[in-house]
Amino acid sequence: MDRWLVVGLGNPGPEYAGNRHNAGFMVADELAARIGGRFKAHRSRAEALEGRVAGAPAVLAKPLSYMNLSGGPVKALADFYKVDPARVIAVHDELDIPYGALRAKLGGGDNGHNGLKSITKSLGTRDYLRLRFGIGRPPGRMDPAAFVLRDFATAERKDLPFLVDRAADMVESLIASGLEATQNAFHSGDLKLSGPPR
C-alpha cells in the first residue's frame, strides 16, 4: 500500500504555537495523538512521525524551516519516503475562508500563502491535496501578514479544539475515502459560531 505524507504547516517555536498561521501544526499534533506517536527530528529539517492513519501507512510532518521555506522539507520528505505528490496532504490556514469552515481540495493556486507557494515550487506541481483551515480576513485595515501571526482570539479559542478535531477527521477521510467523498461529507457542516454576525 502506498504511503501518504500529511504535512501540517506552521512556524516552529513556542512564540508561534498559538498563532493562526500554526493551524496546520495543531492538526498534525492531533493526528499524532490519535495514533499514539511522538514527532522526532528528521534530517529533512522537519519533525516526522511514521504510523498508520485511517488504516494506511502515513508520515505526519511539521517542517521546521519556517512557513515561507516549507517546500524544502516537504520535498525532502517526499523523496525520502518515496511519496508521490498526489498523496501529499498540506494542512494550512486560509484567509479566504471564514473561521469555522474547513475545505479540502486538489491543486489550484496558493492564494498568496507563502507556505503553499514554497511547496508548489519545490514539488514542481500544484497537484497535491490541501486541507484549508479557515481563519477569515483580518479586521479593519490590519495587514494579513500581522493577522496570521497573532493568536486566535478568545472567542475563537473556545471552538478551536472542535475545529482541529474535525480537520483531523477530514485528513483521515481523505486517506480512507478520497477527495470527493470528503467534500460531500464535510463541506456542508461548517461551524455556526456563536455571537453576533461579522
Protein backbone atom coordinates (compact mmCIF):
# COMPACT_ATOMS: atom_id res chain seq x y z
CA MET A 1 0.00 0.00 0.00
CA ASP A 2 1.41 3.38 -0.97
CA ARG A 3 2.35 5.76 1.80
CA TRP A 4 0.80 9.17 2.46
CA LEU A 5 2.58 12.32 3.60
CA VAL A 6 0.49 14.65 5.78
CA VAL A 7 2.21 17.97 6.35
CA GLY A 8 0.93 20.46 8.90
CA LEU A 9 2.21 23.94 8.10
CA GLY A 10 3.32 26.44 10.73
CA ASN A 11 6.30 28.12 12.34
CA PRO A 12 8.47 26.33 14.92
CA GLY A 13 8.98 27.70 18.41
CA PRO A 14 6.76 28.39 21.43
CA GLU A 15 6.19 32.04 20.50
CA TYR A 16 4.28 30.94 17.38
CA ALA A 17 2.44 27.95 18.85
CA GLY A 18 -0.98 29.62 19.24
CA ASN A 19 -0.86 31.68 16.02
CA ARG A 20 -3.49 31.40 13.32
CA HIS A 21 -0.62 30.53 10.94
CA ASN A 22 0.02 27.40 13.02
CA ALA A 23 -3.36 25.76 12.44
CA GLY A 24 -1.58 23.08 10.38
CA PHE A 25 0.76 22.22 13.27
CA MET A 26 -2.26 21.91 15.57
CA VAL A 27 -3.95 19.42 13.24
CA ALA A 28 -0.72 17.42 12.84
CA ASP A 29 -0.40 17.24 16.64
CA GLU A 30 -3.98 15.97 16.91
CA LEU A 31 -3.32 13.25 14.32
CA ALA A 32 -0.13 12.27 16.16
CA ALA A 33 -2.09 11.99 19.40
CA ARG A 34 -4.66 9.77 17.69
CA ILE A 35 -2.05 7.29 16.52
CA GLY A 36 -0.21 7.43 19.83
CA GLY A 37 3.10 8.56 18.38
CA ARG A 38 5.64 11.29 19.02
CA PHE A 39 7.30 13.54 16.49
CA LYS A 40 11.05 13.09 16.13
CA ALA A 41 13.62 15.24 14.37
CA HIS A 42 14.17 14.12 10.78
CA ARG A 43 17.12 15.01 8.58
CA SER A 44 14.75 16.77 6.18
CA ARG A 45 14.52 19.77 8.58
CA ALA A 46 11.16 18.60 9.85
CA GLU A 47 9.69 16.70 12.72
CA ALA A 48 8.23 13.46 11.40
CA LEU A 49 6.24 10.51 12.67
CA GLU A 50 5.57 7.26 10.84
CA GLY A 51 2.39 5.34 11.55
CA ARG A 52 -0.98 4.40 10.15
CA VAL A 53 -3.68 6.98 9.53
CA ALA A 54 -7.14 5.65 8.66
CA GLY A 55 -5.52 2.22 8.21
CA ALA A 56 -2.99 3.40 5.63
CA PRO A 57 0.77 3.87 6.07
CA ALA A 58 1.47 7.55 6.53
CA VAL A 59 4.09 10.03 7.63
CA LEU A 60 2.98 13.04 9.65
CA ALA A 61 5.31 16.01 9.43
CA LYS A 62 5.85 19.54 10.71
CA PRO A 63 8.51 21.48 8.76
CA LEU A 64 10.96 23.33 10.99
CA SER A 65 12.10 25.72 8.26
CA TYR A 66 9.56 28.50 8.95
CA MET A 67 6.48 28.83 6.81
CA ASN A 68 7.98 30.60 3.79
CA LEU A 69 10.52 27.79 3.26
CA SER A 70 8.19 24.82 3.85
CA GLY A 71 8.83 23.40 0.39
CA GLY A 72 12.39 22.21 1.05
CA PRO A 73 11.47 19.88 3.93
CA VAL A 74 8.30 18.67 2.16
CA LYS A 75 10.26 17.75 -0.97
CA ALA A 76 12.98 16.08 1.11
CA LEU A 77 10.36 14.02 2.98
CA ALA A 78 8.52 13.08 -0.23
CA ASP A 79 11.80 11.92 -1.76
CA PHE A 80 12.97 10.09 1.37
CA TYR A 81 9.69 8.19 1.81
CA LYS A 82 9.02 7.89 -1.95
CA VAL A 83 5.64 9.62 -1.75
CA ASP A 84 4.03 10.83 -4.97
CA PRO A 85 2.80 14.47 -4.82
CA ALA A 86 -0.76 13.20 -5.37
CA ARG A 87 -0.51 11.55 -1.92
CA VAL A 88 0.74 14.67 -0.14
CA ILE A 89 -1.82 16.47 2.05
CA ALA A 90 -0.85 20.00 3.14
CA VAL A 91 -2.86 21.31 6.11
CA HIS A 92 -2.77 25.11 6.26
CA ASP A 93 -4.52 28.25 7.47
CA GLU A 94 -6.65 30.03 4.84
CA LEU A 95 -7.58 33.73 4.91
CA ASP A 96 -10.21 33.41 2.17
CA ILE A 97 -12.43 31.07 4.19
CA PRO A 98 -14.31 32.22 7.31
CA TYR A 99 -13.30 30.88 10.70
CA GLY A 100 -15.30 27.73 11.35
CA ALA A 101 -15.08 26.49 7.74
CA LEU A 102 -12.80 23.70 6.55
CA ARG A 103 -12.27 22.83 2.89
CA ALA A 104 -10.45 20.07 1.05
CA LYS A 105 -9.23 20.47 -2.50
CA LEU A 106 -6.69 19.20 -5.02
CA GLY A 107 -4.33 21.60 -6.72
CA GLY A 108 -5.13 25.20 -7.58
CA GLY A 109 -3.31 28.40 -6.71
CA ASP A 110 -1.71 29.39 -3.44
CA ASN A 111 -3.89 32.47 -2.69
CA GLY A 112 -0.79 34.32 -1.54
CA HIS A 113 0.02 31.65 1.07
CA ASN A 114 3.81 31.53 1.20
CA GLY A 115 3.92 28.00 2.60
CA LEU A 116 1.92 26.66 -0.35
CA LYS A 117 3.94 28.77 -2.78
CA SER A 118 7.13 27.17 -1.46
CA ILE A 119 5.70 23.62 -1.59
CA THR A 120 4.42 24.06 -5.16
CA LYS A 121 7.83 25.33 -6.28
CA SER A 122 9.74 22.53 -4.54
CA LEU A 123 7.45 19.70 -5.66
CA GLY A 124 7.25 21.13 -9.17
CA THR A 125 3.48 20.69 -9.25
CA ARG A 126 0.30 22.16 -7.81
CA ASP A 127 -1.38 18.77 -7.84
CA TYR A 128 -1.26 17.86 -4.19
CA LEU A 129 -4.14 17.82 -1.71
CA ARG A 130 -4.81 20.76 0.57
CA LEU A 131 -6.88 20.92 3.72
CA ARG A 132 -7.73 24.59 4.17
CA PHE A 133 -8.41 25.70 7.74
CA GLY A 134 -10.45 28.90 7.56
CA ILE A 135 -9.20 31.79 9.68
CA GLY A 136 -11.17 34.60 7.99
CA ARG A 137 -9.96 38.03 6.92
CA PRO A 138 -8.25 40.44 9.32
CA PRO A 139 -10.42 43.13 10.92
CA GLY A 140 -10.34 46.68 9.59
CA ARG A 141 -7.10 47.55 7.88
CA MET A 142 -4.87 45.10 9.68
CA ASP A 143 -2.13 43.68 7.48
CA PRO A 144 -2.85 39.99 6.73
CA ALA A 145 0.81 39.21 7.47
CA ALA A 146 0.33 40.54 11.02
CA PHE A 147 -3.06 38.87 11.40
CA VAL A 148 -1.79 35.34 10.68
CA LEU A 149 0.99 35.77 13.27
CA ARG A 150 -1.49 36.62 16.03
CA ASP A 151 -3.01 34.04 18.32
CA PHE A 152 -6.60 33.02 17.78
CA ALA A 153 -8.97 35.41 19.53
CA THR A 154 -10.54 34.42 22.85
CA ALA A 155 -13.94 33.71 21.25
CA GLU A 156 -12.27 31.63 18.55
CA ARG A 157 -10.26 29.59 21.04
CA LYS A 158 -13.49 28.25 22.51
CA ASP A 159 -14.24 26.46 19.23
CA LEU A 160 -10.66 25.72 18.21
CA PRO A 161 -10.40 22.19 19.70
CA PHE A 162 -13.57 21.17 17.85
CA LEU A 163 -12.24 22.55 14.55
CA VAL A 164 -8.83 20.93 14.94
CA ASP A 165 -10.57 17.64 15.72
CA ARG A 166 -12.82 17.99 12.67
CA ALA A 167 -9.85 18.87 10.44
CA ALA A 168 -8.09 15.70 11.63
CA ASP A 169 -11.27 13.75 10.78
CA MET A 170 -11.08 15.25 7.29
CA VAL A 171 -7.47 14.15 6.82
CA GLU A 172 -8.47 10.62 7.80
CA SER A 173 -11.40 10.81 5.37
CA LEU A 174 -9.16 12.00 2.51
CA ILE A 175 -6.93 8.98 3.05
CA ALA A 176 -9.73 6.45 3.58
CA SER A 177 -12.41 7.69 1.17
CA GLY A 178 -10.85 10.17 -1.27
CA LEU A 179 -11.44 13.82 -2.08
CA GLU A 180 -14.98 13.79 -3.45
CA ALA A 181 -16.43 11.75 -0.59
CA THR A 182 -14.66 14.01 1.92
CA GLN A 183 -16.00 17.16 0.27
CA ASN A 184 -19.54 15.72 0.27
CA ALA A 185 -19.32 14.66 3.90
CA PHE A 186 -17.69 17.74 5.41
CA HIS A 187 -18.22 20.84 3.29
CA SER A 188 -21.80 21.40 4.37
CA GLY A 189 -21.08 21.15 8.09
CA ASP A 190 -19.40 24.46 8.84
CA LEU A 191 -19.34 25.51 12.46
CA LYS A 192 -22.01 28.12 13.19
CA LEU A 193 -20.17 30.43 15.51
CA SER A 194 -21.94 31.91 18.45
CA GLY A 195 -22.01 35.67 18.80
CA PRO A 196 -23.13 38.48 16.50
CA PRO A 197 -22.67 38.16 12.73
CA ARG A 198 -19.47 39.67 11.44
